[in-house]
């Protein structure tokens, strides 16, 4: 096995053993016991994705405000909120890792 692969394997192990990922996994386990709640969370996540990626004519601030009001009660559920926060923390961690790797390797990529 080459050095890069060994380092990637070590990074993956560190991520999996880290507090951020462990918290996320515990939330996942809780949701395995509540498949109906898992389904609602997944629907919420799809709606968030669409909100963030829709290029419609509607004012973005109005859309976000309406979305937050519509899902306010849903987010009050401690299991839902804990899961979404844990997932966000894992995503942010992965973005930071990716950014460090991209910033540390000198490859000319033209700006679009």
PDB file of N, CA and C in Angstrom:
ATOM      1  N   UNK A   1       0.847  -1.174   0.000  1.00  0.00           N
ATOM      2  CA  UNK A   1       0.000   0.000   0.000  1.00  0.00           C
ATOM      3  C   UNK A   1       0.896   1.242   0.000  1.00  0.00           C
ATOM      4  N   UNK A   2       0.558   2.197  -0.847  1.00  0.00           N
ATOM      5  CA  UNK A   2       1.405   3.387  -0.910  1.00  0.00           C
ATOM      6  C   UNK A   2       1.099   4.346   0.245  1.00  0.00           C
ATOM      7  N   UNK A   3       1.976   5.280   0.421  1.00  0.00           N
ATOM      8  CA  UNK A   3       1.905   6.208   1.566  1.00  0.00           C
ATOM      9  C   UNK A   3       0.623   7.029   1.567  1.00  0.00           C
ATOM     10  N   UNK A   4       0.211   7.505   0.400  1.00  0.00           N
ATOM     11  CA  UNK A   4      -1.009   8.321   0.329  1.00  0.00           C
ATOM     12  C   UNK A   4      -2.208   7.516   0.792  1.00  0.00           C
ATOM     13  N   UNK A   5      -2.326   6.285   0.310  1.00  0.00           N
ATOM     14  CA  UNK A   5      -3.456   5.448   0.719  1.00  0.00           C
ATOM     15  C   UNK A   5      -3.432   5.192   2.221  1.00  0.00           C
ATOM     16  N   UNK A   6      -2.249   4.979   2.773  1.00  0.00           N
ATOM     17  CA  UNK A   6      -2.134   4.754   4.220  1.00  0.00           C
ATOM     18  C   UNK A   6      -2.571   6.009   4.987  1.00  0.00           C
ATOM     19  N   UNK A   7      -2.205   7.164   4.499  1.00  0.00           N
ATOM     20  CA  UNK A   7      -2.595   8.412   5.152  1.00  0.00           C
ATOM     21  C   UNK A   7      -4.106   8.643   5.047  1.00  0.00           C
ATOM     22  N   UNK A   8      -4.670   8.334   3.897  1.00  0.00           N
ATOM     23  CA  UNK A   8      -6.121   8.455   3.732  1.00  0.00           C
ATOM     24  C   UNK A   8      -6.829   7.513   4.700  1.00  0.00           C
ATOM     25  N   UNK A   9      -6.338   6.290   4.807  1.00  0.00           N
ATOM     26  CA  UNK A   9      -6.926   5.337   5.750  1.00  0.00           C
ATOM     27  C   UNK A   9      -6.831   5.843   7.184  1.00  0.00           C
ATOM     28  N   UNK A  10      -5.709   6.457   7.523  1.00  0.00           N
ATOM     29  CA  UNK A  10      -5.540   7.026   8.863  1.00  0.00           C
ATOM     30  C   UNK A  10      -6.498   8.190   9.094  1.00  0.00           C
ATOM     31  N   UNK A  11      -6.675   9.021   8.086  1.00  0.00           N
ATOM     32  CA  UNK A  11      -7.610  10.138   8.192  1.00  0.00           C
ATOM     33  C   UNK A  11      -9.035   9.624   8.397  1.00  0.00           C
ATOM     34  N   UNK A  12      -9.412   8.630   7.612  1.00  0.00           N
ATOM     35  CA  UNK A  12     -10.750   8.046   7.760  1.00  0.00           C
ATOM     36  C   UNK A  12     -10.958   7.474   9.162  1.00  0.00           C
ATOM     37  N   UNK A  13      -9.965   6.812   9.672  1.00  0.00           N
ATOM     38  CA  UNK A  13     -10.050   6.257  11.021  1.00  0.00           C
ATOM     39  C   UNK A  13     -10.199   7.378  12.053  1.00  0.00           C
ATOM     40  N   UNK A  14      -9.435   8.448  11.889  1.00  0.00           N
ATOM     41  CA  UNK A  14      -9.521   9.585  12.814  1.00  0.00           C
ATOM     42  C   UNK A  14     -10.907  10.231  12.748  1.00  0.00           C
ATOM     43  N   UNK A  15     -11.451  10.356  11.555  1.00  0.00           N
ATOM     44  CA  UNK A  15     -12.798  10.926  11.405  1.00  0.00           C
ATOM     45  C   UNK A  15     -13.812  10.041  12.111  1.00  0.00           C
ATOM     46  N   UNK A  16     -13.770   8.752  11.845  1.00  0.00           N
ATOM     47  CA  UNK A  16     -14.737   7.818  12.437  1.00  0.00           C
ATOM     48  C   UNK A  16     -14.639   7.756  13.956  1.00  0.00           C
ATOM     49  N   UNK A  17     -13.445   7.915  14.485  1.00  0.00           N
ATOM     50  CA  UNK A  17     -13.247   7.849  15.935  1.00  0.00           C
ATOM     51  C   UNK A  17     -13.470   9.189  16.619  1.00  0.00           C
ATOM     52  N   UNK A  18     -13.564  10.255  15.846  1.00  0.00           N
ATOM     53  CA  UNK A  18     -13.704  11.598  16.404  1.00  0.00           C
ATOM     54  C   UNK A  18     -15.067  11.844  17.025  1.00  0.00           C
ATOM     55  N   UNK A  19     -15.097  12.796  17.925  1.00  0.00           N
ATOM     56  CA  UNK A  19     -16.313  13.142  18.659  1.00  0.00           C
ATOM     57  C   UNK A  19     -17.446  13.581  17.736  1.00  0.00           C
ATOM     58  N   UNK A  20     -17.121  14.373  16.725  1.00  0.00           N
ATOM     59  CA  UNK A  20     -18.141  14.888  15.813  1.00  0.00           C
ATOM     60  C   UNK A  20     -18.861  13.759  15.094  1.00  0.00           C
ATOM     61  N   UNK A  21     -18.093  12.829  14.539  1.00  0.00           N
ATOM     62  CA  UNK A  21     -18.705  11.716  13.806  1.00  0.00           C
ATOM     63  C   UNK A  21     -19.406  10.756  14.754  1.00  0.00           C
ATOM     64  N   UNK A  22     -18.854  10.523  15.928  1.00  0.00           N
ATOM     65  CA  UNK A  22     -19.480   9.625  16.903  1.00  0.00           C
ATOM     66  C   UNK A  22     -20.843  10.161  17.342  1.00  0.00           C
ATOM     67  N   UNK A  23     -20.922  11.477  17.527  1.00  0.00           N
ATOM     68  CA  UNK A  23     -22.203  12.094  17.888  1.00  0.00           C
ATOM     69  C   UNK A  23     -23.224  11.880  16.769  1.00  0.00           C
ATOM     70  N   UNK A  24     -22.780  12.069  15.539  1.00  0.00           N
ATOM     71  CA  UNK A  24     -23.654  11.852  14.390  1.00  0.00           C
ATOM     72  C   UNK A  24     -24.153  10.405  14.344  1.00  0.00           C
ATOM     73  N   UNK A  25     -23.261   9.459  14.555  1.00  0.00           N
ATOM     74  CA  UNK A  25     -23.640   8.040  14.513  1.00  0.00           C
ATOM     75  C   UNK A  25     -24.660   7.702  15.602  1.00  0.00           C
ATOM     76  N   UNK A  26     -24.513   8.297  16.784  1.00  0.00           N
ATOM     77  CA  UNK A  26     -25.487   8.065  17.861  1.00  0.00           C
ATOM     78  C   UNK A  26     -26.862   8.581  17.459  1.00  0.00           C
ATOM     79  N   UNK A  27     -26.892   9.718  16.798  1.00  0.00           N
ATOM     80  CA  UNK A  27     -28.158  10.253  16.308  1.00  0.00           C
ATOM     81  C   UNK A  27     -28.767   9.333  15.249  1.00  0.00           C
ATOM     82  N   UNK A  28     -27.925   8.801  14.378  1.00  0.00           N
ATOM     83  CA  UNK A  28     -28.394   7.849  13.368  1.00  0.00           C
ATOM     84  C   UNK A  28     -29.026   6.626  14.029  1.00  0.00           C
ATOM     85  N   UNK A  29     -28.391   6.131  15.082  1.00  0.00           N
ATOM     86  CA  UNK A  29     -28.914   4.967  15.801  1.00  0.00           C
ATOM     87  C   UNK A  29     -30.287   5.260  16.404  1.00  0.00           C
ATOM     88  N   UNK A  30     -30.456   6.448  16.961  1.00  0.00           N
ATOM     89  CA  UNK A  30     -31.763   6.825  17.511  1.00  0.00           C
ATOM     90  C   UNK A  30     -32.827   6.808  16.422  1.00  0.00           C
ATOM     91  N   UNK A  31     -32.456   7.289  15.249  1.00  0.00           N
ATOM     92  CA  UNK A  31     -33.423   7.357  14.154  1.00  0.00           C
ATOM     93  C   UNK A  31     -33.769   5.979  13.595  1.00  0.00           C
ATOM     94  N   UNK A  32     -32.877   5.023  13.734  1.00  0.00           N
ATOM     95  CA  UNK A  32     -33.169   3.668  13.261  1.00  0.00           C
ATOM     96  C   UNK A  32     -34.368   3.091  14.018  1.00  0.00           C
ATOM     97  N   UNK A  33     -34.585   3.573  15.229  1.00  0.00           N
ATOM     98  CA  UNK A  33     -35.710   3.110  16.046  1.00  0.00           C
ATOM     99  C   UNK A  33     -37.006   3.833  15.689  1.00  0.00           C
ATOM    100  N   UNK A  34     -36.913   4.889  14.904  1.00  0.00           N
ATOM    101  CA  UNK A  34     -38.074   5.698  14.540  1.00  0.00           C
ATOM    102  C   UNK A  34     -38.100   5.947  13.031  1.00  0.00           C
ATOM    103  N   UNK A  35     -38.425   4.926  12.250  1.00  0.00           N
ATOM    104  CA  UNK A  35     -38.363   5.075  10.789  1.00  0.00           C
ATOM    105  C   UNK A  35     -39.275   6.174  10.238  1.00  0.00           C
ATOM    106  N   UNK A  36     -40.412   6.411  10.882  1.00  0.00           N
ATOM    107  CA  UNK A  36     -41.318   7.462  10.395  1.00  0.00           C
ATOM    108  C   UNK A  36     -40.695   8.847  10.590  1.00  0.00           C
ATOM    109  N   UNK A  37     -39.973   9.023  11.687  1.00  0.00           N
ATOM    110  CA  UNK A  37     -39.289  10.292  11.918  1.00  0.00           C
ATOM    111  C   UNK A  37     -38.123  10.441  10.949  1.00  0.00           C
ATOM    112  N   UNK A  38     -37.432   9.345  10.684  1.00  0.00           N
ATOM    113  CA  UNK A  38     -36.325   9.359   9.723  1.00  0.00           C
ATOM    114  C   UNK A  38     -36.828   9.818   8.356  1.00  0.00           C
ATOM    115  N   UNK A  39     -37.977   9.310   7.968  1.00  0.00           N
ATOM    116  CA  UNK A  39     -38.553   9.676   6.676  1.00  0.00           C
ATOM    117  C   UNK A  39     -38.872  11.176   6.627  1.00  0.00           C
ATOM    118  N   UNK A  40     -39.416  11.715   7.711  1.00  0.00           N
ATOM    119  CA  UNK A  40     -39.729  13.141   7.759  1.00  0.00           C
ATOM    120  C   UNK A  40     -38.462  13.992   7.717  1.00  0.00           C
ATOM    121  N   UNK A  41     -37.426  13.535   8.396  1.00  0.00           N
ATOM    122  CA  UNK A  41     -36.158  14.262   8.361  1.00  0.00           C
ATOM    123  C   UNK A  41     -35.600  14.262   6.943  1.00  0.00           C
ATOM    124  N   UNK A  42     -35.664  13.123   6.278  1.00  0.00           N
ATOM    125  CA  UNK A  42     -35.169  13.047   4.902  1.00  0.00           C
ATOM    126  C   UNK A  42     -35.956  13.972   3.978  1.00  0.00           C
ATOM    127  N   UNK A  43     -37.266  14.037   4.172  1.00  0.00           N
ATOM    128  CA  UNK A  43     -38.085  14.953   3.381  1.00  0.00           C
ATOM    129  C   UNK A  43     -37.692  16.403   3.660  1.00  0.00           C
ATOM    130  N   UNK A  44     -37.433  16.712   4.923  1.00  0.00           N
ATOM    131  CA  UNK A  44     -36.987  18.052   5.299  1.00  0.00           C
ATOM    132  C   UNK A  44     -35.667  18.391   4.620  1.00  0.00           C
ATOM    133  N   UNK A  45     -34.742  17.449   4.625  1.00  0.00           N
ATOM    134  CA  UNK A  45     -33.428  17.662   4.015  1.00  0.00           C
ATOM    135  C   UNK A  45     -33.543  17.893   2.510  1.00  0.00           C
ATOM    136  N   UNK A  46     -34.426  17.152   1.851  1.00  0.00           N
ATOM    137  CA  UNK A  46     -34.662  17.347   0.418  1.00  0.00           C
ATOM    138  C   UNK A  46     -35.236  18.747   0.176  1.00  0.00           C
ATOM    139  N   UNK A  47     -36.152  19.156   1.041  1.00  0.00           N
ATOM    140  CA  UNK A  47     -36.747  20.492   0.903  1.00  0.00           C
ATOM    141  C   UNK A  47     -35.695  21.582   1.094  1.00  0.00           C
ATOM    142  N   UNK A  48     -34.787  21.399   2.028  1.00  0.00           N
ATOM    143  CA  UNK A  48     -33.710  22.362   2.248  1.00  0.00           C
ATOM    144  C   UNK A  48     -32.813  22.413   1.010  1.00  0.00           C
ATOM    145  N   UNK A  49     -32.494  21.246   0.471  1.00  0.00           N
ATOM    146  CA  UNK A  49     -31.661  21.202  -0.732  1.00  0.00           C
ATOM    147  C   UNK A  49     -32.333  21.971  -1.872  1.00  0.00           C
ATOM    148  N   UNK A  50     -33.606  21.720  -2.062  1.00  0.00           N
ATOM    149  CA  UNK A  50     -34.329  22.403  -3.144  1.00  0.00           C
ATOM    150  C   UNK A  50     -34.377  23.910  -2.910  1.00  0.00           C
ATOM    151  N   UNK A  51     -34.585  24.298  -1.658  1.00  0.00           N
ATOM    152  CA  UNK A  51     -34.620  25.723  -1.333  1.00  0.00           C
ATOM    153  C   UNK A  51     -33.287  26.376  -1.672  1.00  0.00           C
ATOM    154  N   UNK A  52     -32.206  25.704  -1.359  1.00  0.00           N
ATOM    155  CA  UNK A  52     -30.874  26.250  -1.601  1.00  0.00           C
ATOM    156  C   UNK A  52     -30.468  26.226  -3.069  1.00  0.00           C
ATOM    157  N   UNK A  53     -31.083  25.368  -3.858  1.00  0.00           N
ATOM    158  CA  UNK A  53     -30.651  25.201  -5.242  1.00  0.00           C
ATOM    159  C   UNK A  53     -31.696  25.606  -6.274  1.00  0.00           C
ATOM    160  N   UNK A  54     -32.817  26.107  -5.822  1.00  0.00           N
ATOM    161  CA  UNK A  54     -33.860  26.534  -6.747  1.00  0.00           C
ATOM    162  C   UNK A  54     -33.522  27.915  -7.284  1.00  0.00           C
ATOM    163  N   UNK A  55     -33.534  28.040  -8.571  1.00  0.00           N
ATOM    164  CA  UNK A  55     -33.232  29.325  -9.200  1.00  0.00           C
ATOM    165  C   UNK A  55     -34.509  30.032  -9.643  1.00  0.00           C
ATOM    166  N   UNK A  56     -35.559  29.844  -8.865  1.00  0.00           N
ATOM    167  CA  UNK A  56     -36.847  30.444  -9.222  1.00  0.00           C
ATOM    168  C   UNK A  56     -36.830  31.947  -9.080  1.00  0.00           C
ATOM    169  N   UNK A  57     -37.945  32.546  -9.405  1.00  0.00           N
ATOM    170  CA  UNK A  57     -38.059  34.002  -9.380  1.00  0.00           C
ATOM    171  C   UNK A  57     -38.426  34.543  -8.003  1.00  0.00           C
ATOM    172  N   UNK A  58     -38.822  33.679  -7.096  1.00  0.00           N
ATOM    173  CA  UNK A  58     -39.253  34.123  -5.781  1.00  0.00           C
ATOM    174  C   UNK A  58     -38.073  34.678  -4.986  1.00  0.00           C
ATOM    175  N   UNK A  59     -38.339  35.677  -4.164  1.00  0.00           N
ATOM    176  CA  UNK A  59     -37.317  36.278  -3.319  1.00  0.00           C
ATOM    177  C   UNK A  59     -36.791  35.230  -2.333  1.00  0.00           C
ATOM    178  N   UNK A  60     -35.481  35.061  -2.305  1.00  0.00           N
ATOM    179  CA  UNK A  60     -34.857  34.039  -1.468  1.00  0.00           C
ATOM    180  C   UNK A  60     -35.151  34.266   0.011  1.00  0.00           C
ATOM    181  N   UNK A  61     -35.084  35.498   0.464  1.00  0.00           N
ATOM    182  CA  UNK A  61     -35.347  35.794   1.875  1.00  0.00           C
ATOM    183  C   UNK A  61     -36.774  35.441   2.258  1.00  0.00           C
ATOM    184  N   UNK A  62     -37.711  35.728   1.380  1.00  0.00           N
ATOM    185  CA  UNK A  62     -39.106  35.372   1.641  1.00  0.00           C
ATOM    186  C   UNK A  62     -39.273  33.860   1.679  1.00  0.00           C
ATOM    187  N   UNK A  63     -38.616  33.177   0.772  1.00  0.00           N
ATOM    188  CA  UNK A  63     -38.688  31.709   0.729  1.00  0.00           C
ATOM    189  C   UNK A  63     -38.139  31.101   2.007  1.00  0.00           C
ATOM    190  N   UNK A  64     -36.991  31.597   2.458  1.00  0.00           N
ATOM    191  CA  UNK A  64     -36.371  31.070   3.677  1.00  0.00           C
ATOM    192  C   UNK A  64     -37.251  31.356   4.882  1.00  0.00           C
ATOM    193  N   UNK A  65     -37.782  32.555   4.951  1.00  0.00           N
ATOM    194  CA  UNK A  65     -38.642  32.932   6.071  1.00  0.00           C
ATOM    195  C   UNK A  65     -39.868  32.029   6.133  1.00  0.00           C
ATOM    196  N   UNK A  66     -40.498  31.812   4.993  1.00  0.00           N
ATOM    197  CA  UNK A  66     -41.682  30.947   4.938  1.00  0.00           C
ATOM    198  C   UNK A  66     -41.314  29.506   5.317  1.00  0.00           C
ATOM    199  N   UNK A  67     -40.185  29.033   4.801  1.00  0.00           N
ATOM    200  CA  UNK A  67     -39.733  27.672   5.089  1.00  0.00           C
ATOM    201  C   UNK A  67     -39.498  27.481   6.588  1.00  0.00           C
ATOM    202  N   UNK A  68     -38.822  28.450   7.198  1.00  0.00           N
ATOM    203  CA  UNK A  68     -38.540  28.357   8.636  1.00  0.00           C
ATOM    204  C   UNK A  68     -39.828  28.344   9.450  1.00  0.00           C
ATOM    205  N   UNK A  69     -40.792  29.154   9.070  1.00  0.00           N
ATOM    206  CA  UNK A  69     -42.078  29.176   9.781  1.00  0.00           C
ATOM    207  C   UNK A  69     -42.815  27.845   9.625  1.00  0.00           C
ATOM    208  N   UNK A  70     -42.783  27.308   8.420  1.00  0.00           N
ATOM    209  CA  UNK A  70     -43.470  26.046   8.161  1.00  0.00           C
ATOM    210  C   UNK A  70     -42.873  24.882   8.955  1.00  0.00           C
ATOM    211  N   UNK A  71     -41.582  24.949   9.225  1.00  0.00           N
ATOM    212  CA  UNK A  71     -40.895  23.822   9.878  1.00  0.00           C
ATOM    213  C   UNK A  71     -40.477  24.119  11.311  1.00  0.00           C
ATOM    214  N   UNK A  72     -40.958  25.207  11.860  1.00  0.00           N
ATOM    215  CA  UNK A  72     -40.575  25.609  13.204  1.00  0.00           C
ATOM    216  C   UNK A  72     -40.913  24.531  14.239  1.00  0.00           C
ATOM    217  N   UNK A  73     -42.106  23.995  14.200  1.00  0.00           N
ATOM    218  CA  UNK A  73     -42.510  22.971  15.165  1.00  0.00           C
ATOM    219  C   UNK A  73     -41.697  21.692  14.983  1.00  0.00           C
ATOM    220  N   UNK A  74     -41.449  21.334  13.745  1.00  0.00           N
ATOM    221  CA  UNK A  74     -40.667  20.135  13.449  1.00  0.00           C
ATOM    222  C   UNK A  74     -39.277  20.234  14.063  1.00  0.00           C
ATOM    223  N   UNK A  75     -38.655  21.401  13.947  1.00  0.00           N
ATOM    224  CA  UNK A  75     -37.300  21.607  14.475  1.00  0.00           C
ATOM    225  C   UNK A  75     -37.264  21.628  15.993  1.00  0.00           C
ATOM    226  N   UNK A  76     -38.412  21.803  16.649  1.00  0.00           N
ATOM    227  CA  UNK A  76     -38.451  21.793  18.112  1.00  0.00           C
ATOM    228  C   UNK A  76     -38.296  20.388  18.684  1.00  0.00           C
ATOM    229  N   UNK A  77     -38.496  19.387  17.857  1.00  0.00           N
ATOM    230  CA  UNK A  77     -38.308  18.003  18.304  1.00  0.00           C
ATOM    231  C   UNK A  77     -36.823  17.814  18.609  1.00  0.00           C
ATOM    232  N   UNK A  78     -36.475  17.430  19.852  1.00  0.00           N
ATOM    233  CA  UNK A  78     -35.056  17.326  20.216  1.00  0.00           C
ATOM    234  C   UNK A  78     -34.284  16.299  19.391  1.00  0.00           C
ATOM    235  N   UNK A  79     -34.910  15.219  18.993  1.00  0.00           N
ATOM    236  CA  UNK A  79     -34.231  14.204  18.184  1.00  0.00           C
ATOM    237  C   UNK A  79     -33.920  14.772  16.802  1.00  0.00           C
ATOM    238  N   UNK A  80     -34.881  15.468  16.231  1.00  0.00           N
ATOM    239  CA  UNK A  80     -34.707  16.083  14.911  1.00  0.00           C
ATOM    240  C   UNK A  80     -33.596  17.122  14.971  1.00  0.00           C
ATOM    241  N   UNK A  81     -33.701  18.012  15.933  1.00  0.00           N
ATOM    242  CA  UNK A  81     -32.727  19.096  16.022  1.00  0.00           C
ATOM    243  C   UNK A  81     -31.323  18.561  16.292  1.00  0.00           C
ATOM    244  N   UNK A  82     -31.206  17.590  17.176  1.00  0.00           N
ATOM    245  CA  UNK A  82     -29.891  17.023  17.480  1.00  0.00           C
ATOM    246  C   UNK A  82     -29.285  16.364  16.242  1.00  0.00           C
ATOM    247  N   UNK A  83     -30.107  15.618  15.510  1.00  0.00           N
ATOM    248  CA  UNK A  83     -29.616  14.963  14.305  1.00  0.00           C
ATOM    249  C   UNK A  83     -29.144  15.990  13.272  1.00  0.00           C
ATOM    250  N   UNK A  84     -29.972  16.998  13.005  1.00  0.00           N
ATOM    251  CA  UNK A  84     -29.616  17.985  11.984  1.00  0.00           C
ATOM    252  C   UNK A  84     -28.370  18.774  12.375  1.00  0.00           C
ATOM    253  N   UNK A  85     -28.225  19.073  13.650  1.00  0.00           N
ATOM    254  CA  UNK A  85     -27.010  19.767  14.099  1.00  0.00           C
ATOM    255  C   UNK A  85     -25.781  18.871  13.967  1.00  0.00           C
ATOM    256  N   UNK A  86     -25.922  17.600  14.334  1.00  0.00           N
ATOM    257  CA  UNK A  86     -24.796  16.662  14.222  1.00  0.00           C
ATOM    258  C   UNK A  86     -24.400  16.468  12.762  1.00  0.00           C
ATOM    259  N   UNK A  87     -25.385  16.348  11.895  1.00  0.00           N
ATOM    260  CA  UNK A  87     -25.111  16.194  10.472  1.00  0.00           C
ATOM    261  C   UNK A  87     -24.395  17.424   9.920  1.00  0.00           C
ATOM    262  N   UNK A  88     -24.853  18.608  10.308  1.00  0.00           N
ATOM    263  CA  UNK A  88     -24.221  19.842   9.864  1.00  0.00           C
ATOM    264  C   UNK A  88     -22.772  19.914  10.338  1.00  0.00           C
ATOM    265  N   UNK A  89     -22.523  19.495  11.571  1.00  0.00           N
ATOM    266  CA  UNK A  89     -21.155  19.503  12.096  1.00  0.00           C
ATOM    267  C   UNK A  89     -20.247  18.565  11.302  1.00  0.00           C
ATOM    268  N   UNK A  90     -20.757  17.402  10.911  1.00  0.00           N
ATOM    269  CA  UNK A  90     -19.960  16.470  10.103  1.00  0.00           C
ATOM    270  C   UNK A  90     -19.699  17.080   8.725  1.00  0.00           C
ATOM    271  N   UNK A  91     -20.703  17.687   8.135  1.00  0.00           N
ATOM    272  CA  UNK A  91     -20.526  18.313   6.819  1.00  0.00           C
ATOM    273  C   UNK A  91     -19.498  19.433   6.874  1.00  0.00           C
ATOM    274  N   UNK A  92     -19.564  20.264   7.916  1.00  0.00           N
ATOM    275  CA  UNK A  92     -18.584  21.351   8.060  1.00  0.00           C
ATOM    276  C   UNK A  92     -17.175  20.793   8.240  1.00  0.00           C
ATOM    277  N   UNK A  93     -17.046  19.724   9.017  1.00  0.00           N
ATOM    278  CA  UNK A  93     -15.745  19.104   9.216  1.00  0.00           C
ATOM    279  C   UNK A  93     -15.196  18.599   7.882  1.00  0.00           C
ATOM    280  N   UNK A  94     -16.040  17.942   7.092  1.00  0.00           N
ATOM    281  CA  UNK A  94     -15.608  17.418   5.797  1.00  0.00           C
ATOM    282  C   UNK A  94     -15.221  18.564   4.855  1.00  0.00           C
ATOM    283  N   UNK A  95     -15.951  19.668   4.901  1.00  0.00           N
ATOM    284  CA  UNK A  95     -15.602  20.825   4.077  1.00  0.00           C
ATOM    285  C   UNK A  95     -14.247  21.396   4.475  1.00  0.00           C
ATOM    286  N   UNK A  96     -13.994  21.481   5.785  1.00  0.00           N
ATOM    287  CA  UNK A  96     -12.690  21.998   6.237  1.00  0.00           C
ATOM    288  C   UNK A  96     -11.553  21.085   5.785  1.00  0.00           C
ATOM    289  N   UNK A  97     -11.762  19.778   5.892  1.00  0.00           N
ATOM    290  CA  UNK A  97     -10.743  18.818   5.458  1.00  0.00           C
ATOM    291  C   UNK A  97     -10.486  18.976   3.965  1.00  0.00           C
ATOM    292  N   UNK A  98     -11.559  19.024   3.187  1.00  0.00           N
ATOM    293  CA  UNK A  98     -11.435  19.174   1.738  1.00  0.00           C
ATOM    294  C   UNK A  98     -10.729  20.475   1.377  1.00  0.00           C
ATOM    295  N   UNK A  99     -11.081  21.540   2.058  1.00  0.00           N
ATOM    296  CA  UNK A  99     -10.467  22.831   1.788  1.00  0.00           C
ATOM    297  C   UNK A  99      -8.968  22.807   2.087  1.00  0.00           C
ATOM    298  N   UNK A 100      -8.576  22.170   3.169  1.00  0.00           N
ATOM    299  CA  UNK A 100      -7.150  22.078   3.509  1.00  0.00           C
ATOM    300  C   UNK A 100      -6.395  21.264   2.474  1.00  0.00           C
ATOM    301  N   UNK A 101      -7.000  20.190   2.018  1.00  0.00           N
ATOM    302  CA  UNK A 101      -6.337  19.362   1.006  1.00  0.00           C
ATOM    303  C   UNK A 101      -6.198  20.151  -0.295  1.00  0.00           C
ATOM    304  N   UNK A 102      -7.278  20.786  -0.731  1.00  0.00           N
ATOM    305  CA  UNK A 102      -7.223  21.566  -1.972  1.00  0.00           C
ATOM    306  C   UNK A 102      -6.233  22.714  -1.858  1.00  0.00           C
ATOM    307  N   UNK A 103      -6.193  23.358  -0.702  1.00  0.00           N
ATOM    308  CA  UNK A 103      -5.287  24.481  -0.514  1.00  0.00           C
ATOM    309  C   UNK A 103      -3.837  24.058  -0.377  1.00  0.00           C
ATOM    310  N   UNK A 104      -3.610  22.807  -0.023  1.00  0.00           N
ATOM    311  CA  UNK A 104      -2.249  22.339   0.202  1.00  0.00           C
ATOM    312  C   UNK A 104      -1.603  21.687  -1.009  1.00  0.00           C
ATOM    313  N   UNK A 105      -2.359  21.534  -2.082  1.00  0.00           N
ATOM    314  CA  UNK A 105      -1.831  20.907  -3.292  1.00  0.00           C
ATOM    315  C   UNK A 105      -1.883  21.956  -4.408  1.00  0.00           C
ATOM    316  N   UNK A 106      -0.749  22.238  -4.992  1.00  0.00           N
ATOM    317  CA  UNK A 106      -0.659  23.287  -5.997  1.00  0.00           C
ATOM    318  C   UNK A 106      -1.028  22.731  -7.379  1.00  0.00           C
ATOM    319  N   UNK A 107      -2.280  22.960  -7.750  1.00  0.00           N
ATOM    320  CA  UNK A 107      -2.764  22.561  -9.079  1.00  0.00           C
ATOM    321  C   UNK A 107      -3.446  23.778  -9.676  1.00  0.00           C
ATOM    322  N   UNK A 108      -3.069  24.118 -10.890  1.00  0.00           N
ATOM    323  CA  UNK A 108      -3.675  25.280 -11.539  1.00  0.00           C
ATOM    324  C   UNK A 108      -5.081  24.925 -12.002  1.00  0.00           C
ATOM    325  N   UNK A 109      -6.061  25.580 -11.398  1.00  0.00           N
ATOM    326  CA  UNK A 109      -7.458  25.408 -11.792  1.00  0.00           C
ATOM    327  C   UNK A 109      -7.977  26.783 -12.174  1.00  0.00           C
ATOM    328  N   UNK A 110      -8.392  26.959 -13.424  1.00  0.00           N
ATOM    329  CA  UNK A 110      -8.856  28.284 -13.842  1.00  0.00           C
ATOM    330  C   UNK A 110     -10.137  28.681 -13.117  1.00  0.00           C
ATOM    331  N   UNK A 111     -10.256  29.978 -12.850  1.00  0.00           N
ATOM    332  CA  UNK A 111     -11.467  30.515 -12.230  1.00  0.00           C
ATOM    333  C   UNK A 111     -12.565  30.587 -13.274  1.00  0.00           C
ATOM    334  N   UNK A 112     -13.757  30.232 -12.876  1.00  0.00           N
ATOM    335  CA  UNK A 112     -14.902  30.257 -13.800  1.00  0.00           C
ATOM    336  C   UNK A 112     -15.659  31.546 -13.617  1.00  0.00           C
TER     337      UNK A 112
END
